[in-house]
Protein backbone atom coordinates (compact mmCIF):
# COMPACT_ATOMS: atom_id res chain seq x y z
CA UNK A 1 10.77 -7.68 -5.25
CA UNK A 2 11.99 -4.76 -7.36
CA UNK A 3 13.92 -2.18 -5.39
CA UNK A 4 12.89 1.44 -5.74
CA UNK A 5 15.93 3.47 -6.73
CA UNK A 6 16.12 7.17 -7.56
CA UNK A 7 19.70 7.28 -8.82
CA UNK A 8 19.89 9.90 -11.55
CA UNK A 9 16.55 11.44 -10.62
CA UNK A 10 16.08 15.06 -9.53
CA UNK A 11 13.38 15.87 -6.98
CA UNK A 12 11.85 19.06 -5.63
CA UNK A 13 10.13 18.92 -2.25
CA UNK A 14 8.32 22.07 -1.14
CA UNK A 15 7.91 22.84 2.53
CA UNK A 16 10.78 20.43 3.20
CA UNK A 17 12.29 22.20 6.19
CA UNK A 18 10.38 20.10 8.72
CA UNK A 19 7.78 17.38 9.18
CA UNK A 20 6.61 15.36 6.21
CA UNK A 21 8.56 17.36 3.64
CA UNK A 22 11.82 16.88 5.50
CA UNK A 23 11.29 13.14 5.73
CA UNK A 24 10.30 12.87 2.05
CA UNK A 25 13.47 14.76 1.04
CA UNK A 26 15.81 12.71 3.21
CA UNK A 27 14.37 9.36 2.13
CA UNK A 28 14.53 10.34 -1.56
CA UNK A 29 18.16 11.31 -1.10
CA UNK A 30 18.96 8.04 0.68
CA UNK A 31 17.81 6.22 -2.44
CA UNK A 32 19.93 8.29 -4.78
CA UNK A 33 17.81 11.31 -5.74
CA UNK A 34 19.30 14.77 -6.01
CA UNK A 35 17.00 16.99 -4.00
CA UNK A 36 15.97 20.63 -3.95
CA UNK A 37 14.89 21.37 -0.39
CA UNK A 38 12.44 24.26 -0.58
CA UNK A 39 11.23 26.05 2.53
CA UNK A 40 10.32 29.68 3.11
CA UNK A 41 11.06 29.20 6.78
CA UNK A 42 7.93 30.94 8.07
CA UNK A 43 5.68 30.11 10.99
CA UNK A 44 2.81 27.65 10.89
CA UNK A 45 0.44 30.42 9.83
CA UNK A 46 2.75 31.65 7.07
CA UNK A 47 4.38 34.62 8.78
CA UNK A 48 8.08 35.47 8.39
CA UNK A 49 10.94 33.70 6.66
CA UNK A 50 14.25 32.07 7.48
CA UNK A 51 16.90 30.16 5.56
CA UNK A 52 17.78 27.94 8.50
CA UNK A 53 15.08 25.28 8.01
CA UNK A 54 16.03 24.42 4.42
CA UNK A 55 19.76 24.70 5.16
CA UNK A 56 19.52 22.28 8.07
CA UNK A 57 17.83 19.59 5.97
CA UNK A 58 20.38 20.04 3.16
CA UNK A 59 23.17 19.52 5.67
CA UNK A 60 21.44 16.40 6.99
CA UNK A 61 21.26 14.98 3.48
CA UNK A 62 24.88 15.80 2.75
CA UNK A 63 25.95 14.18 6.03
CA UNK A 64 24.29 10.99 4.79
CA UNK A 65 26.28 11.16 1.57
CA UNK A 66 23.46 12.57 -0.56
CA UNK A 67 23.18 15.57 -2.86
CA UNK A 68 20.89 18.49 -2.10
CA UNK A 69 20.59 22.24 -2.51
CA UNK A 70 18.37 24.67 -0.58
CA UNK A 71 15.74 27.04 -1.93
CA UNK A 72 13.94 29.69 0.10
CA UNK A 73 11.34 30.97 -2.36
CA UNK A 74 7.66 31.42 -1.56
CA UNK A 75 5.58 28.83 -3.45
CA UNK A 76 2.60 31.20 -3.49
CA UNK A 77 4.01 33.44 -6.22
CA UNK A 78 4.65 32.69 -9.89
CA UNK A 79 8.17 34.08 -9.57
CA UNK A 80 8.79 31.90 -6.52
CA UNK A 81 7.61 28.77 -8.32
CA UNK A 82 9.77 29.54 -11.33
CA UNK A 83 12.80 30.12 -9.11
CA UNK A 84 12.28 26.83 -7.31
CA UNK A 85 12.30 24.94 -10.61
CA UNK A 86 15.21 27.05 -11.87
CA UNK A 87 17.17 26.03 -8.77
CA UNK A 88 16.73 22.36 -9.72
CA UNK A 89 17.66 22.89 -13.37
CA UNK A 90 20.67 25.08 -12.56
CA UNK A 91 21.98 22.63 -9.95
CA UNK A 92 21.06 19.28 -11.50
CA UNK A 93 19.88 19.90 -15.09
CA UNK A 94 16.22 18.84 -14.90
CA UNK A 95 13.19 17.99 -12.77
CA UNK A 96 11.90 14.42 -12.53
CA UNK A 97 9.90 14.52 -9.31
CA UNK A 98 7.85 17.23 -7.62
CA UNK A 99 6.25 16.83 -4.23
CA UNK A 100 3.87 19.70 -3.43
CA UNK A 101 4.01 19.57 0.35
CA UNK A 102 4.20 23.21 1.50
CA UNK A 103 1.31 24.38 3.61
CA UNK A 104 0.07 26.69 6.34
CA UNK A 105 -2.95 26.77 8.64
CA UNK A 106 -5.25 29.59 9.72
CA UNK A 107 -8.20 27.80 11.24
CA UNK A 108 -11.46 29.58 12.09
CA UNK A 109 -15.13 28.72 11.87
CA UNK A 110 -16.63 29.82 8.57
CA UNK A 111 -18.66 32.70 10.04
CA UNK A 112 -15.42 34.17 11.42
CA UNK A 113 -13.25 33.45 8.36
CA UNK A 114 -11.82 36.77 7.15
CA UNK A 115 -10.79 37.21 3.53
CA UNK A 116 -7.14 37.57 4.52
CA UNK A 117 -7.05 34.17 6.21
CA UNK A 118 -8.98 32.53 3.37
CA UNK A 119 -6.68 33.97 0.72
CA UNK A 120 -3.45 33.19 2.59
CA UNK A 121 -4.21 29.49 2.99
CA UNK A 122 -5.55 29.03 -0.54
CA UNK A 123 -2.48 30.88 -1.88
CA UNK A 124 0.02 28.50 -0.31
CA UNK A 125 -1.77 25.20 -0.83
CA UNK A 126 -3.60 25.60 -4.14
CA UNK A 127 -1.98 28.52 -5.93
CA UNK A 128 1.38 27.34 -4.61
CA UNK A 129 0.90 24.00 -6.33
CA UNK A 130 0.06 25.82 -9.57
CA UNK A 131 3.06 28.14 -9.29
CA UNK A 132 5.58 25.33 -8.82
CA UNK A 133 3.94 22.58 -10.86
CA UNK A 134 3.53 24.58 -14.07
CA UNK A 135 7.24 25.22 -14.73
CA UNK A 136 8.11 21.74 -13.44
CA UNK A 137 5.48 20.18 -15.72
CA UNK A 138 6.93 22.04 -18.71
CA UNK A 139 10.40 20.66 -18.00
CA UNK A 140 9.04 17.15 -17.45
CA UNK A 141 7.14 17.32 -20.72
CA UNK A 142 10.32 18.26 -22.59
CA UNK A 143 12.10 15.28 -20.99
CA UNK A 144 9.24 12.82 -21.47
CA UNK A 145 9.11 11.83 -17.80
CA UNK A 146 7.71 13.09 -14.53
CA UNK A 147 6.17 12.17 -11.21
CA UNK A 148 4.07 14.73 -9.34
CA UNK A 149 2.54 14.41 -5.88
CA UNK A 150 -0.21 16.69 -4.61
CA UNK A 151 -0.83 16.70 -0.86
CA UNK A 152 -4.52 16.78 0.02
CA UNK A 153 -6.15 16.20 3.40
CA UNK A 154 -8.98 14.31 5.01
CA UNK A 155 -10.29 17.75 5.94
CA UNK A 156 -11.07 18.26 2.27
CA UNK A 157 -12.05 14.71 1.41
CA UNK A 158 -14.35 14.23 4.38
CA UNK A 159 -14.69 17.61 6.14
CA UNK A 160 -13.29 19.00 9.40
CA UNK A 161 -14.86 21.70 11.57
CA UNK A 162 -13.11 25.07 11.41
CA UNK A 163 -11.06 24.40 8.28
CA UNK A 164 -13.10 25.75 5.36
CA UNK A 165 -10.12 27.55 3.80
CA UNK A 166 -7.77 24.61 4.19
CA UNK A 167 -10.34 22.02 3.11
CA UNK A 168 -11.32 24.01 0.02
CA UNK A 169 -7.70 24.40 -1.06
CA UNK A 170 -7.00 20.72 -0.48
CA UNK A 171 -9.94 19.60 -2.61
CA UNK A 172 -8.79 22.02 -5.30
CA UNK A 173 -5.55 20.03 -5.44
CA UNK A 174 -7.54 16.88 -6.18
CA UNK A 175 -9.16 18.66 -9.13
CA UNK A 176 -5.76 19.82 -10.35
CA UNK A 177 -4.43 16.27 -10.18
CA UNK A 178 -7.49 14.94 -12.03
CA UNK A 179 -6.67 17.15 -15.01
CA UNK A 180 -2.90 16.72 -14.93
CA UNK A 181 -3.28 12.93 -15.05
CA UNK A 182 -4.91 13.46 -18.46
CA UNK A 183 -2.68 16.22 -19.80
CA UNK A 184 0.50 14.46 -18.70
CA UNK A 185 -0.37 10.96 -19.90
CA UNK A 186 1.33 11.03 -23.30
CA UNK A 187 4.49 12.50 -21.76
CA UNK A 188 4.81 9.77 -19.09
CA UNK A 189 3.99 12.27 -16.36
CA UNK A 190 2.04 10.66 -13.54
CA UNK A 191 0.23 12.80 -10.97
CA UNK A 192 -1.02 11.24 -7.75
CA UNK A 193 -2.41 12.55 -4.49
CA UNK A 194 -1.36 11.91 -0.90
CA UNK A 195 -3.81 12.31 2.01
CA UNK A 196 -1.51 12.01 5.02
CA UNK A 197 -2.25 11.76 8.70
CA UNK A 198 0.94 12.60 10.53
CA UNK A 199 2.30 14.39 13.57
CA UNK A 200 3.53 17.73 12.23
CA UNK A 201 3.27 21.34 13.36
CA UNK A 202 0.11 21.63 11.25
CA UNK A 203 -1.64 18.86 13.18
CA UNK A 204 -0.26 19.28 16.69
CA UNK A 205 -3.48 20.89 17.96
CA UNK A 206 -5.81 19.07 15.55
CA UNK A 207 -5.07 15.47 16.51
CA UNK A 208 -5.68 14.17 20.04
CA UNK A 209 -2.34 14.09 21.99
CA UNK A 210 -2.33 10.32 22.44
CA UNK A 211 -2.76 9.83 18.68
CA UNK A 212 -0.35 12.64 17.76
CA UNK A 213 2.48 10.85 19.56
CA UNK A 214 2.02 7.74 17.41
CA UNK A 215 1.50 9.40 14.02
CA UNK A 216 5.13 9.59 12.94
CA UNK A 217 5.91 11.04 9.51
CA UNK A 218 8.00 7.97 8.72
CA UNK A 219 4.79 5.97 8.33
CA UNK A 220 3.62 8.18 5.45
CA UNK A 221 6.70 8.59 3.25
CA UNK A 222 6.82 5.00 1.88
CA UNK A 223 3.65 5.67 -0.13
CA UNK A 224 5.16 8.88 -1.49
CA UNK A 225 8.37 7.18 -2.56
CA UNK A 226 6.50 4.49 -4.45
CA UNK A 227 4.24 6.99 -6.21
CA UNK A 228 7.34 9.05 -7.12
CA UNK A 229 9.09 6.07 -8.68
CA UNK A 230 9.14 4.96 -12.29
CA UNK A 231 7.65 1.66 -11.11
CA UNK A 232 4.35 3.39 -10.32
CA UNK A 233 2.13 3.42 -13.42
CA UNK A 234 -1.02 4.75 -11.75
CA UNK A 235 -2.08 8.37 -12.15
CA UNK A 236 -4.85 10.34 -10.49
CA UNK A 237 -5.00 8.06 -7.44
CA UNK A 238 -5.68 9.41 -3.93
CA UNK A 239 -3.85 7.47 -1.23
CA UNK A 240 -4.55 7.85 2.50
CA UNK A 241 -1.48 7.17 4.62
CA UNK A 242 -0.84 7.17 8.34
CA UNK A 243 0.49 4.89 11.07
CA UNK A 244 1.35 2.23 8.48
CA UNK A 245 -2.22 2.19 7.13
CA UNK A 246 -2.67 2.83 3.41
CA UNK A 247 -5.92 2.99 1.45
CA UNK A 248 -7.45 4.60 -1.58
CA UNK A 249 -10.17 7.23 -1.63
CA UNK A 250 -12.07 8.10 -4.79
CA UNK A 251 -15.02 10.10 -6.05
CA UNK A 252 -17.61 7.49 -6.94
CA UNK A 253 -20.98 7.77 -8.67
CA UNK A 254 -23.99 5.67 -7.73
CA UNK A 255 -26.34 4.01 -10.25
CA UNK A 256 -28.93 6.75 -9.80
CA UNK A 257 -32.41 6.86 -11.30
CA UNK A 258 -33.60 7.75 -14.82
CA UNK A 259 -36.57 10.11 -14.52
CA UNK A 260 -36.85 11.23 -18.13
CA UNK A 261 -37.02 9.83 -21.65
CA UNK A 262 -35.03 12.78 -22.96
CA UNK A 263 -38.14 14.78 -23.72
CA UNK A 264 -40.05 15.06 -20.46
CA UNK A 265 -38.63 17.32 -17.72
CA UNK A 266 -38.86 15.60 -14.30
CA UNK A 267 -40.75 17.38 -11.53
CA UNK A 268 -39.25 18.20 -8.12
CA UNK A 269 -41.77 15.76 -6.66
CA UNK A 270 -40.39 12.96 -8.84
CA UNK A 271 -36.91 13.76 -7.58
CA UNK A 272 -38.23 13.66 -4.01
CA UNK A 273 -40.00 10.34 -4.55
CA UNK A 274 -36.85 8.78 -6.03
CA UNK A 275 -34.40 10.36 -3.59
CA UNK A 276 -33.37 7.03 -2.07
CA UNK A 277 -32.40 5.67 -5.49
CA UNK A 278 -30.71 8.93 -6.49
CA UNK A 279 -28.54 9.00 -3.37
CA UNK A 280 -27.77 5.28 -3.28
CA UNK A 281 -24.13 4.25 -3.60
CA UNK A 282 -24.86 0.59 -4.24
CA UNK A 283 -22.59 -0.69 -7.03
CA UNK A 284 -20.91 2.69 -7.65
CA UNK A 285 -18.78 3.49 -10.70
CA UNK A 286 -15.50 5.38 -11.00
CA UNK A 287 -15.12 7.70 -13.97
CA UNK A 288 -11.56 8.45 -15.06
CA UNK A 289 -12.61 11.67 -16.77
CA UNK A 290 -15.66 13.83 -17.46
CA UNK A 291 -16.24 12.41 -20.95
CA UNK A 292 -16.61 8.94 -19.45
CA UNK A 293 -19.49 10.20 -17.33
CA UNK A 294 -21.06 11.92 -20.33
CA UNK A 295 -20.87 8.62 -22.19
CA UNK A 296 -22.62 6.87 -19.32
CA UNK A 297 -25.40 9.45 -19.31
CA UNK A 298 -25.79 9.13 -23.07
CA UNK A 299 -26.21 5.37 -22.84
CA UNK A 300 -29.13 5.77 -20.43
CA UNK A 301 -31.25 7.80 -22.87
C-alpha cells in the first residue's frame, strides 16, 4: 500500500480554527505539509473576529513538530482571499492544496429568510470559495499542480428544512467544482467535493444528540487527505463521509423518452402521458460535462 505523504506540499485550510478544518490542518501537518491555518475567529453565525482560534491550531501543529502559520482574513472578500493565498506564498513559496472549509449558519424557514441572512451565508460558503480559490488556482496553474477541495453538504445534495441559504450555497460549490475539474485538467489541478457529516458547532443543533456524540471529525478527514494527495487522479467527484462511512453522490440522468422527430413539437399531454418514462432513473448515465449531454441528445435525433 502506497503511503500518502505531503512532504514539500503547502496547504491552505480555511475555517481551520475548530472542527473539521482544525482536524484537516493537523493531519496534513502530521504527514509533512506546511499549513496556512485560516480562521476569522467569528461566531457560528459569522459575527465578530478573533486571532485566538487560528493561533491555537498553529501552536498545536508546531508542538507536533510541524510547520504552520496563521491567517485571520475573511474569506468572503476578494482582498481576504488574496491575502490568504499571499500568506502561503510569502511563508512557503507556493500553494499546492486548498481546502475550502470555512462556513457559517443562519437557519430560518424560507418564508422568514431575510436578505441579510441569505447574503451572509452565501458570501462565506460560495463567494468565499471563489475569493480564495481564484488566486490559489492561478498559483497552482503556474506550478502545474494543485488539489482543491470544496465542502458541500447533504442539505444541498438532498435538502434540509430551514436551510435554503446554506443549501443553495453548498450546491453552488458543486457547480464550481464541476467547471474547475475541466479548466484545471491540463494543469494537473484536481478539484473534488466533500459532503461531511460530523459533530461541529455548525451541526450541534441539527443532528440528534445521540448521533452528534458519535460523529467525530476524525472519521471524515481520511477522505480529504486522500483527495488532497498526488495519488488521487479523480476530479469532480462528490464524496460523502461520516462515522467511517464513505460513498459517492452524483448527478445522474435517466434514459428519458423521445417525444419528437426533431420537427414536431411535443404537446403537454404527451409529456404527461410519458411522465413515468421521463422521470425514470433506470440505467442512468453520468455526464462528465455539458457537451457530453449535448452529444447524447444529438444521437437520439
